[in-house]
Amino acid sequence: MTSYPVSATPVPISAEQVGGRLMARLARERMLDVKQGERAFYVIPLQDRLLVIFESLTVLDPGKLIGDELCAKVSRDLGGVPVLGLQGRSIYYQIGTLPRKVTSRDLASVKLGTVLGNQPTPLHVPLGMTNKGPAWRHIEQLDSVLIVGPRGSGKTTTMHAWIQALARGAECLMYLWDNKSGNEFGRYSGLPHVTVAINNQFDQHDKLGATLNEIGDLIKQRAQIYAKYGGSPTLAAHNAKAFPEDRVKPVVLFVDEIYFMPPDIREMLTQLVTLGRAYGLYPVLGCQFASRETISGQLDANMSSRVVFHTQDANDSRVAMGRAGAEKLPRIKGRYLFYDGAEILTVQGFNVDLPQAPQGSALSAAVSPVCLLSTEEVSMIEAALRLDGYFRITDVAAAIRRNPKYVSKFSLKWCQNGWLTGILSTTDNPPRRLGRRLTKTLVRMAGLEQKYPGLYATLPENATPSAVDETETE
């Protein structure tokens, strides 16, 4: 249930002792409303810890039950055994283990480009480094995300890492709201399946309102498509039974700072977040600090996952993620707690390479080079550029000293996304095969368009998506 490392040492207290002492404590605290014949909780002995799972309907105050103060009292009642309260699909105590201390070695800062090649699926986003190594989460598993962090904490950098990973995967539609005149997300304009709404940060946010209306219209269209198949509770359930032409992609909405939204726009966003999950809308919302004014009750209740950087005190941490802990984080850029109701991870976000916005027009940032691929993928594309823009698997594999079968896996994915052309040949008789041609989109994703400007100008913008035999070589 949690990702905490555990000790192999047996818990020095029995399940019967835990049950009796815990019931006595909770009765004194008036935490339960148990009718005759009802169970208040179950105590499950595991090899190295005990798990107490509560009957949710009997708990009068879930927040207090899993709060630090009551957990400390329960720990004293149990002779000092560690007690950790968590709430996900159930409310439970983990007794006998706590997260081990996370060291600086566990959270070594790592560049995003070095791990992008290990993206588990095109819809996984990178959390960062944990004590178990790089951590990824599927955007559908995250569902809806609130990212809270003060200026300079790494909040927006985390969003950049997720945007780059999803853009690389190219299997979702992304809407990015840029409230900084294009200086933040404008650089992603022109990428496939990406819509950037750019506002001057002092105007009336009309672009965001128009974007939310566009997403609302998309949801209405999807509702009609779902109805053709009898309706579905989730996007995955719909796609599982729909014909290929009626399958739909996830929609991910990034909003960097919800604090600046006027009330009517925030209300529109809240409605979309509340209703959009079934139709594949996954919002990622950022704010510099969490407050009841900024995060309304309905919006807060619909945020499934939290990314929380250092907070000023325990109260701010509770507002941001429903529990204390973020106030204890060191003030290291990129260090945060990830909490999805079932697990808490201490994470060091990846370092993300971003192009510098050129001086002058902020919108010109949209054409600055930005790398959305792993280091090895970039080396493959550069090898093909040195072959006059032709991606010949055997030649590229030799150039980067890799097995052709390994390179062909990337060729397969890029052809399916329309980033490589079909195999081209000369007009000679007999014709001579030249290989697949790179597209401008793929070169831009590698951030190499300015390094090879002449060749880049001759490449096609995109190609027709096509399937490729993985064993095929040119």
Protein backbone atom coordinates (compact mmCIF):
# COMPACT_ATOMS: atom_id res chain seq x y z
CA MET A 1 0.00 0.00 0.00
CA THR A 2 2.89 2.32 0.63
CA SER A 3 6.32 2.60 -0.87
CA TYR A 4 8.08 3.00 2.46
CA PRO A 5 11.16 0.86 3.06
CA VAL A 6 10.57 -1.46 5.97
CA SER A 7 12.66 -3.25 8.56
CA ALA A 8 12.78 -7.00 8.83
CA THR A 9 12.59 -6.74 12.64
CA PRO A 10 9.30 -8.17 14.01
CA VAL A 11 6.93 -5.72 15.69
CA PRO A 12 7.38 -6.03 19.51
CA ILE A 13 3.63 -6.05 20.20
CA SER A 14 0.81 -8.42 19.31
CA ALA A 15 -2.28 -7.70 17.26
CA GLU A 16 -4.44 -8.35 20.35
CA GLN A 17 -2.51 -5.77 22.38
CA VAL A 18 -2.81 -3.23 19.57
CA GLY A 19 -6.55 -3.82 19.27
CA GLY A 20 -7.23 -3.37 22.98
CA ARG A 21 -5.02 -0.33 23.55
CA LEU A 22 -6.10 1.38 20.33
CA MET A 23 -9.79 0.96 21.13
CA ALA A 24 -9.25 2.42 24.60
CA ARG A 25 -7.42 5.44 23.20
CA LEU A 26 -9.98 6.12 20.47
CA ALA A 27 -12.81 5.83 22.99
CA ARG A 28 -11.13 8.46 25.19
CA GLU A 29 -10.66 10.71 22.17
CA ARG A 30 -14.28 10.12 21.06
CA MET A 31 -13.14 9.28 17.56
CA LEU A 32 -15.57 6.45 16.77
CA ASP A 33 -19.30 5.94 16.43
CA VAL A 34 -19.68 2.17 16.65
CA LYS A 35 -23.07 0.51 16.88
CA GLN A 36 -23.57 -2.80 18.65
CA GLY A 37 -22.27 -5.62 16.51
CA GLU A 38 -20.18 -3.33 14.26
CA ARG A 39 -16.41 -3.51 13.84
CA ALA A 40 -14.43 -0.31 14.26
CA PHE A 41 -11.24 -1.62 12.62
CA TYR A 42 -9.28 -4.70 11.61
CA VAL A 43 -5.71 -5.46 12.76
CA ILE A 44 -3.74 -7.38 10.13
CA PRO A 45 -0.35 -8.84 11.22
CA LEU A 46 2.32 -8.74 8.51
CA GLN A 47 5.88 -10.03 8.67
CA ASP A 48 7.44 -6.80 9.83
CA ARG A 49 4.51 -4.54 10.79
CA LEU A 50 0.86 -4.39 11.70
CA LEU A 51 -1.79 -2.79 9.54
CA VAL A 52 -4.91 -1.32 11.14
CA ILE A 53 -7.71 -0.73 8.62
CA PHE A 54 -10.63 1.34 9.89
CA GLU A 55 -14.28 1.03 8.92
CA SER A 56 -14.64 4.49 7.38
CA LEU A 57 -18.30 4.92 8.39
CA THR A 58 -17.44 4.57 12.08
CA VAL A 59 -14.78 7.31 12.06
CA LEU A 60 -16.08 10.70 13.20
CA ASP A 61 -13.04 12.80 12.23
CA PRO A 62 -10.71 11.14 9.67
CA GLY A 63 -8.33 14.13 9.61
CA LYS A 64 -7.76 14.00 13.36
CA LEU A 65 -7.52 10.20 13.33
CA ILE A 66 -4.52 10.18 10.99
CA GLY A 67 -3.07 13.45 12.32
CA ASP A 68 0.37 13.64 13.90
CA GLU A 69 -0.93 14.44 17.39
CA LEU A 70 -3.19 11.40 17.73
CA CYS A 71 -0.65 9.09 16.07
CA ALA A 72 1.90 10.20 18.69
CA LYS A 73 -0.54 9.36 21.50
CA VAL A 74 -1.25 5.93 20.02
CA SER A 75 2.49 5.36 19.70
CA ARG A 76 2.99 6.11 23.40
CA ASP A 77 0.13 3.73 24.29
CA LEU A 78 1.90 1.00 22.32
CA GLY A 79 5.22 1.48 24.08
CA GLY A 80 6.83 3.80 21.55
CA VAL A 81 6.24 1.67 18.45
CA PRO A 82 6.09 3.97 15.37
CA VAL A 83 2.57 4.74 14.13
CA LEU A 84 1.85 6.31 10.74
CA GLY A 85 -1.68 7.35 9.74
CA LEU A 86 -2.64 7.33 6.05
CA GLN A 87 -5.79 7.86 4.06
CA GLY A 88 -6.44 6.59 0.55
CA ARG A 89 -9.33 4.40 -0.47
CA SER A 90 -9.33 3.39 3.21
CA ILE A 91 -8.18 4.95 6.47
CA TYR A 92 -5.43 2.98 8.13
CA TYR A 93 -2.48 2.93 10.53
CA GLN A 94 0.85 1.37 9.71
CA ILE A 95 2.38 0.23 13.01
CA GLY A 96 5.97 -0.82 13.50
CA THR A 97 7.74 0.89 10.58
CA LEU A 98 8.32 4.43 9.43
CA PRO A 99 10.09 5.74 6.33
CA ARG A 100 13.82 5.44 6.77
CA LYS A 101 15.80 8.64 6.59
CA VAL A 102 16.22 9.72 2.99
CA THR A 103 19.84 10.59 2.28
CA SER A 104 21.30 13.05 -0.18
CA ARG A 105 22.66 10.10 -2.15
CA ASP A 106 19.11 8.77 -2.55
CA LEU A 107 18.00 12.11 -3.94
CA ALA A 108 20.94 12.94 -6.16
CA SER A 109 20.02 15.55 -8.75
CA VAL A 110 19.66 13.96 -12.18
CA LYS A 111 19.06 15.48 -15.61
CA LEU A 112 15.72 14.64 -17.19
CA GLY A 113 17.37 13.87 -20.53
CA THR A 114 19.28 10.95 -19.01
CA VAL A 115 16.09 9.15 -17.93
CA LEU A 116 13.56 10.05 -20.64
CA GLY A 117 14.55 6.96 -22.57
CA ASN A 118 13.26 4.87 -19.65
CA GLN A 119 9.75 6.37 -19.77
CA PRO A 120 7.56 3.30 -19.02
CA THR A 121 4.75 4.37 -21.38
CA PRO A 122 4.02 7.51 -23.42
CA LEU A 123 1.59 8.61 -20.68
CA HIS A 124 4.01 8.36 -17.75
CA VAL A 125 5.40 11.55 -16.22
CA PRO A 126 8.64 11.79 -14.21
CA LEU A 127 8.30 12.56 -10.51
CA GLY A 128 12.05 12.61 -9.87
CA MET A 129 14.59 10.71 -7.78
CA THR A 130 13.49 8.83 -4.65
CA ASN A 131 15.29 6.50 -2.27
CA LYS A 132 14.39 3.71 -4.70
CA GLY A 133 15.64 5.47 -7.81
CA PRO A 134 13.75 7.33 -10.56
CA ALA A 135 9.98 7.46 -9.98
CA TRP A 136 7.35 7.67 -12.72
CA ARG A 137 3.55 7.84 -12.54
CA HIS A 138 0.93 7.33 -15.25
CA ILE A 139 -1.05 10.54 -15.83
CA GLU A 140 -4.32 8.60 -15.55
CA GLN A 141 -3.17 7.18 -12.21
CA LEU A 142 -2.38 10.69 -10.95
CA ASP A 143 -5.83 11.78 -12.18
CA SER A 144 -5.83 15.41 -11.01
CA VAL A 145 -2.78 17.08 -9.51
CA LEU A 146 -2.21 20.12 -7.32
CA ILE A 147 1.37 21.41 -7.26
CA VAL A 148 2.12 23.85 -4.43
CA GLY A 149 5.43 25.65 -4.11
CA PRO A 150 6.72 29.18 -3.51
CA ARG A 151 8.66 31.12 -6.09
CA GLY A 152 11.95 29.42 -6.94
CA SER A 153 11.02 26.08 -5.36
CA GLY A 154 10.89 24.11 -8.61
CA LYS A 155 7.11 24.05 -9.11
CA THR A 156 7.15 25.24 -12.72
CA THR A 157 10.22 23.14 -13.51
CA THR A 158 8.25 20.08 -12.44
CA MET A 159 5.53 21.07 -14.90
CA HIS A 160 8.12 21.47 -17.66
CA ALA A 161 9.41 17.93 -16.97
CA TRP A 162 5.90 16.49 -17.23
CA ILE A 163 5.09 18.48 -20.38
CA GLN A 164 8.28 17.33 -22.08
CA ALA A 165 7.64 13.68 -21.20
CA LEU A 166 4.04 13.79 -22.47
CA ALA A 167 5.06 15.69 -25.62
CA ARG A 168 7.66 13.02 -26.26
CA GLY A 169 5.02 10.30 -25.85
CA ALA A 170 2.60 12.14 -28.17
CA GLU A 171 -0.41 10.10 -27.01
CA CYS A 172 -2.39 12.85 -25.29
CA LEU A 173 -3.73 16.30 -26.07
CA MET A 174 -2.17 19.06 -23.99
CA TYR A 175 -3.50 22.52 -23.18
CA LEU A 176 -0.98 24.84 -21.53
CA TRP A 177 -1.95 28.18 -20.00
CA ASP A 178 0.91 30.66 -20.00
CA ASN A 179 0.26 33.75 -17.90
CA LYS A 180 3.73 35.15 -18.54
CA SER A 181 3.35 36.47 -22.07
CA GLY A 182 4.66 33.24 -23.60
CA ASN A 183 7.93 33.19 -21.67
CA GLU A 184 7.09 29.97 -19.81
CA PHE A 185 5.12 27.56 -22.00
CA GLY A 186 5.26 29.47 -25.29
CA ARG A 187 8.32 27.43 -26.25
CA TYR A 188 6.05 24.40 -26.78
CA SER A 189 3.89 26.09 -29.42
CA GLY A 190 3.92 24.13 -32.67
CA LEU A 191 4.49 20.73 -31.11
CA PRO A 192 2.00 18.02 -32.13
CA HIS A 193 -1.17 17.87 -30.01
CA VAL A 194 -0.17 20.91 -27.93
CA THR A 195 -2.29 24.06 -27.57
CA VAL A 196 -0.75 27.02 -25.74
CA ALA A 197 -2.99 29.81 -24.42
CA ILE A 198 -0.80 32.88 -23.91
CA ASN A 199 -1.87 35.79 -21.75
CA ASN A 200 -0.23 38.98 -20.69
CA GLN A 201 -0.16 38.55 -16.91
CA PHE A 202 -1.96 41.87 -16.39
CA ASP A 203 -4.94 41.36 -18.71
CA GLN A 204 -8.32 39.71 -18.17
CA HIS A 205 -7.29 36.10 -18.84
CA ASP A 206 -9.52 35.91 -21.90
CA LYS A 207 -7.26 33.27 -23.50
CA LEU A 208 -7.68 30.89 -20.55
CA GLY A 209 -11.46 31.34 -20.65
CA ALA A 210 -11.44 30.54 -24.38
CA THR A 211 -9.27 27.48 -23.76
CA LEU A 212 -11.59 26.19 -21.02
CA ASN A 213 -14.55 26.70 -23.37
CA GLU A 214 -12.71 24.70 -26.03
CA ILE A 215 -12.12 21.86 -23.55
CA GLY A 216 -15.76 22.06 -22.50
CA ASP A 217 -16.87 21.66 -26.13
CA LEU A 218 -14.49 18.69 -26.46
CA ILE A 219 -16.09 17.04 -23.42
CA LYS A 220 -19.56 17.54 -24.92
CA GLN A 221 -18.41 15.88 -28.14
CA ARG A 222 -17.00 12.97 -26.16
CA ALA A 223 -20.26 12.60 -24.23
CA GLN A 224 -22.03 12.03 -27.55
CA ILE A 225 -19.41 9.47 -28.60
CA TYR A 226 -19.69 7.67 -25.25
CA ALA A 227 -23.48 7.53 -25.65
CA LYS A 228 -23.08 5.50 -28.86
CA TYR A 229 -21.61 2.70 -26.74
CA GLY A 230 -23.99 2.93 -23.80
CA GLY A 231 -21.81 5.27 -21.73
CA SER A 232 -18.64 4.57 -19.73
CA PRO A 233 -17.37 5.71 -16.32
CA THR A 234 -13.79 6.29 -17.51
CA LEU A 235 -11.80 6.94 -20.66
CA ALA A 236 -10.11 3.53 -20.41
CA ALA A 237 -13.48 1.78 -20.18
CA HIS A 238 -14.77 3.65 -23.24
CA ASN A 239 -11.68 2.97 -25.35
CA ALA A 240 -11.81 -0.72 -24.43
CA LYS A 241 -15.16 -1.17 -26.18
CA ALA A 242 -15.15 1.59 -28.83
CA PHE A 243 -14.24 1.11 -32.47
CA PRO A 244 -10.84 2.61 -33.37
CA GLU A 245 -12.36 5.70 -34.98
CA ASP A 246 -14.26 6.50 -31.75
CA ARG A 247 -11.39 6.04 -29.31
CA VAL A 248 -10.23 9.25 -27.67
CA LYS A 249 -6.96 10.50 -26.22
CA PRO A 250 -6.42 11.80 -22.70
CA VAL A 251 -6.50 15.59 -22.31
CA VAL A 252 -4.00 17.14 -19.90
CA LEU A 253 -4.50 20.75 -18.82
CA PHE A 254 -1.55 22.60 -17.25
CA VAL A 255 -2.26 25.85 -15.36
CA ASP A 256 0.84 27.33 -13.75
CA GLU A 257 -0.81 29.71 -11.29
CA ILE A 258 -4.46 29.48 -10.33
CA TYR A 259 -4.10 32.39 -7.89
CA PHE A 260 -4.30 34.86 -10.79
CA MET A 261 -7.61 33.53 -12.06
CA PRO A 262 -10.66 35.76 -11.65
CA PRO A 263 -13.56 34.08 -9.80
CA ASP A 264 -15.63 33.33 -12.92
CA ILE A 265 -12.71 31.57 -14.64
CA ARG A 266 -11.91 29.62 -11.47
CA GLU A 267 -15.53 28.49 -11.25
CA MET A 268 -15.39 27.35 -14.88
CA LEU A 269 -12.21 25.39 -14.13
CA THR A 270 -13.79 23.80 -11.05
CA GLN A 271 -16.74 22.56 -13.10
CA LEU A 272 -14.45 21.05 -15.74
CA VAL A 273 -12.31 19.32 -13.11
CA THR A 274 -15.42 17.94 -11.39
CA LEU A 275 -17.08 16.61 -14.54
CA GLY A 276 -14.16 15.92 -16.88
CA ARG A 277 -12.52 12.83 -15.37
CA ALA A 278 -14.87 10.36 -17.06
CA TYR A 279 -14.04 11.95 -20.41
CA GLY A 280 -10.28 11.81 -19.95
CA LEU A 281 -9.51 15.30 -18.61
CA TYR A 282 -6.52 15.34 -16.24
CA PRO A 283 -5.73 18.79 -14.79
CA VAL A 284 -2.33 19.75 -13.37
CA LEU A 285 -2.77 22.97 -11.39
CA GLY A 286 -0.03 25.00 -9.76
CA CYS A 287 -0.09 27.69 -7.09
CA GLN A 288 2.58 29.43 -5.04
CA PHE A 289 0.81 28.87 -1.74
CA ALA A 290 -2.29 26.96 -0.75
CA SER A 291 -5.13 28.87 0.88
CA ARG A 292 -8.84 28.26 1.28
CA GLU A 293 -9.46 31.32 -0.89
CA THR A 294 -7.30 30.02 -3.75
CA ILE A 295 -8.37 26.37 -3.55
CA SER A 296 -12.12 26.17 -3.07
CA GLY A 297 -13.66 23.25 -1.23
CA GLN A 298 -14.98 21.60 -4.39
CA LEU A 299 -11.73 22.09 -6.31
CA ASP A 300 -9.67 20.86 -3.36
CA ALA A 301 -11.87 17.76 -2.97
CA ASN A 302 -11.30 16.82 -6.61
CA MET A 303 -7.49 16.96 -6.47
CA SER A 304 -6.39 13.32 -6.20
CA SER A 305 -2.61 13.83 -6.05
CA ARG A 306 -0.46 16.50 -4.40
CA VAL A 307 3.07 17.73 -5.08
CA VAL A 308 4.07 19.99 -2.18
CA PHE A 309 7.36 21.83 -1.80
CA HIS A 310 8.58 23.38 1.45
CA THR A 311 5.87 25.20 3.41
CA GLN A 312 6.25 27.81 6.14
CA ASP A 313 4.56 25.75 8.84
CA ALA A 314 2.54 22.61 9.52
CA ASN A 315 -0.76 24.42 8.99
CA ASP A 316 0.22 25.40 5.43
CA SER A 317 1.22 21.79 4.82
CA ARG A 318 -2.18 20.59 6.02
CA VAL A 319 -3.95 23.01 3.69
CA ALA A 320 -1.78 21.89 0.76
CA MET A 321 -1.96 18.12 1.21
CA GLY A 322 -4.18 17.38 4.19
CA ARG A 323 -1.37 16.56 6.61
CA ALA A 324 1.79 18.01 8.12
CA GLY A 325 5.25 17.17 6.83
CA ALA A 326 6.12 19.62 4.05
CA GLU A 327 7.30 22.19 6.63
CA LYS A 328 10.15 19.79 7.52
CA LEU A 329 11.53 19.63 3.98
CA PRO A 330 14.93 21.25 3.46
CA ARG A 331 14.92 24.39 1.32
CA ILE A 332 16.50 22.64 -1.65
CA LYS A 333 15.19 23.56 -5.08
CA GLY A 334 13.23 20.66 -6.52
CA ARG A 335 12.71 18.85 -3.18
CA TYR A 336 9.08 18.00 -2.50
CA LEU A 337 6.61 15.52 -1.02
CA PHE A 338 4.37 13.52 -3.34
CA TYR A 339 1.10 12.36 -1.79
CA ASP A 340 -1.79 10.61 -3.50
CA GLY A 341 -3.75 9.56 -0.43
CA ALA A 342 -2.08 6.15 -0.29
CA GLU A 343 1.65 6.85 -0.30
CA ILE A 344 4.04 9.64 0.59
CA LEU A 345 7.33 9.98 -1.25
CA THR A 346 10.18 12.37 -0.69
CA VAL A 347 11.29 13.37 -4.18
CA GLN A 348 14.07 15.38 -5.78
CA GLY A 349 12.78 16.67 -9.11
CA PHE A 350 14.86 16.18 -12.23
CA ASN A 351 16.93 18.98 -13.70
CA VAL A 352 15.23 20.16 -16.88
CA ASP A 353 17.02 21.85 -19.77
CA LEU A 354 15.00 24.78 -21.07
CA PRO A 355 15.90 27.14 -23.89
CA GLN A 356 16.56 30.74 -22.98
CA ALA A 357 13.81 33.04 -24.18
CA PRO A 358 15.48 35.39 -26.67
CA GLN A 359 15.51 39.06 -25.85
CA GLY A 360 12.84 41.06 -27.61
CA SER A 361 9.58 39.32 -28.38
CA ALA A 362 8.57 36.87 -25.70
CA LEU A 363 6.67 34.83 -28.25
CA SER A 364 9.88 34.07 -30.09
CA ALA A 365 10.57 31.61 -27.27
CA ALA A 366 8.22 29.30 -29.15
CA VAL A 367 10.84 28.66 -31.81
CA SER A 368 13.80 28.24 -29.47
CA PRO A 369 15.31 24.74 -29.41
CA VAL A 370 14.05 22.52 -26.59
CA CYS A 371 14.98 18.86 -26.24
CA LEU A 372 12.08 16.52 -25.55
CA LEU A 373 14.02 13.30 -26.05
CA SER A 374 16.51 11.22 -24.14
CA THR A 375 20.24 11.71 -24.65
CA GLU A 376 20.46 8.48 -26.66
CA GLU A 377 17.52 9.39 -28.88
CA VAL A 378 19.17 12.73 -29.65
CA SER A 379 22.36 10.91 -30.62
CA MET A 380 20.35 8.76 -33.07
CA ILE A 381 18.75 11.80 -34.68
CA GLU A 382 22.07 13.62 -34.93
CA ALA A 383 23.60 10.54 -36.57
CA ALA A 384 20.77 10.61 -39.13
CA LEU A 385 21.31 14.33 -39.75
CA ARG A 386 24.92 13.53 -40.58
CA LEU A 387 23.53 11.04 -43.10
CA ASP A 388 21.83 13.93 -44.90
CA GLY A 389 18.65 13.51 -42.86
CA TYR A 390 18.02 9.84 -43.68
CA PHE A 391 17.35 7.46 -40.79
CA ARG A 392 18.93 4.22 -41.98
CA ILE A 393 18.77 1.83 -39.05
CA THR A 394 21.98 -0.09 -39.73
CA ASP A 395 24.01 3.09 -40.32
CA VAL A 396 22.56 4.88 -37.28
CA ALA A 397 23.16 1.81 -35.10
CA ALA A 398 26.80 1.66 -36.23
CA ALA A 399 27.25 5.39 -35.56
CA ILE A 400 26.04 5.16 -31.96
CA ARG A 401 27.45 1.66 -31.41
CA ARG A 402 24.12 0.02 -30.70
CA ASN A 403 22.37 -3.12 -31.95
CA PRO A 404 20.14 -2.42 -35.00
CA LYS A 405 17.21 -4.12 -33.23
CA TYR A 406 17.51 -1.59 -30.41
CA VAL A 407 17.44 1.32 -32.87
CA SER A 408 14.52 -0.18 -34.79
CA LYS A 409 12.31 0.10 -31.68
CA PHE A 410 12.64 3.87 -31.83
CA SER A 411 12.07 3.83 -35.59
CA LEU A 412 8.81 1.95 -34.96
CA LYS A 413 7.56 4.50 -32.42
CA TRP A 414 8.55 7.51 -34.52
CA CYS A 415 6.90 6.11 -37.64
CA GLN A 416 3.70 5.45 -35.70
CA ASN A 417 3.72 9.08 -34.54
CA GLY A 418 4.40 10.43 -38.04
CA TRP A 419 7.89 11.67 -37.17
CA LEU A 420 9.69 9.56 -39.78
CA THR A 421 8.64 9.16 -43.41
CA GLY A 422 8.28 5.89 -45.25
CA ILE A 423 11.37 4.45 -46.91
CA LEU A 424 12.42 6.69 -49.81
CA SER A 425 14.30 5.56 -52.89
CA THR A 426 16.14 7.17 -55.81
CA THR A 427 14.63 7.39 -59.28
CA ASP A 428 17.45 5.27 -60.71
CA ASN A 429 16.76 2.02 -62.51
CA PRO A 430 16.92 -0.09 -60.48
CA PRO A 431 16.06 2.32 -57.62
CA ARG A 432 18.40 2.62 -54.64
CA ARG A 433 16.89 2.84 -51.16
CA LEU A 434 17.82 6.01 -49.26
CA GLY A 435 16.05 5.26 -45.98
CA ARG A 436 13.44 7.03 -43.93
CA ARG A 437 13.55 10.82 -43.85
CA LEU A 438 13.58 12.76 -40.60
CA THR A 439 10.80 15.31 -40.11
CA LYS A 440 11.09 18.84 -38.77
CA THR A 441 8.94 17.86 -35.80
CA LEU A 442 11.39 15.16 -34.71
CA VAL A 443 14.42 17.42 -35.18
CA ARG A 444 12.71 20.16 -33.13
CA MET A 445 12.01 17.66 -30.36
CA ALA A 446 15.73 16.88 -30.30
CA GLY A 447 16.53 20.60 -30.13
CA LEU A 448 18.82 20.36 -33.17
CA GLU A 449 17.10 22.66 -35.67
CA GLN A 450 19.49 25.56 -35.10
CA LYS A 451 22.56 23.32 -35.27
CA TYR A 452 21.60 22.09 -38.77
CA PRO A 453 19.55 25.01 -40.21
CA GLY A 454 20.18 24.31 -43.91
CA LEU A 455 19.30 20.62 -43.74
CA TYR A 456 16.39 21.33 -41.38
CA ALA A 457 14.81 23.62 -43.99
CA THR A 458 14.68 20.74 -46.52
CA LEU A 459 12.89 18.27 -44.23
CA PRO A 460 9.13 17.62 -44.33
CA GLU A 461 7.13 19.01 -41.42
CA ASN A 462 5.48 15.68 -40.59
CA ALA A 463 4.78 12.32 -42.20
CA THR A 464 1.76 10.04 -42.40
CA PRO A 465 1.71 7.80 -39.29
CA SER A 466 2.43 4.22 -40.28
CA ALA A 467 3.24 0.86 -38.76
CA VAL A 468 6.72 -0.60 -39.23
CA ASP A 469 8.09 -4.07 -38.81
CA GLU A 470 10.40 -3.92 -35.77
CA THR A 471 12.89 -6.19 -37.47
CA GLU A 472 13.07 -4.02 -40.58
CA THR A 473 16.43 -2.46 -41.35
CA GLU A 474 17.59 -0.29 -44.22
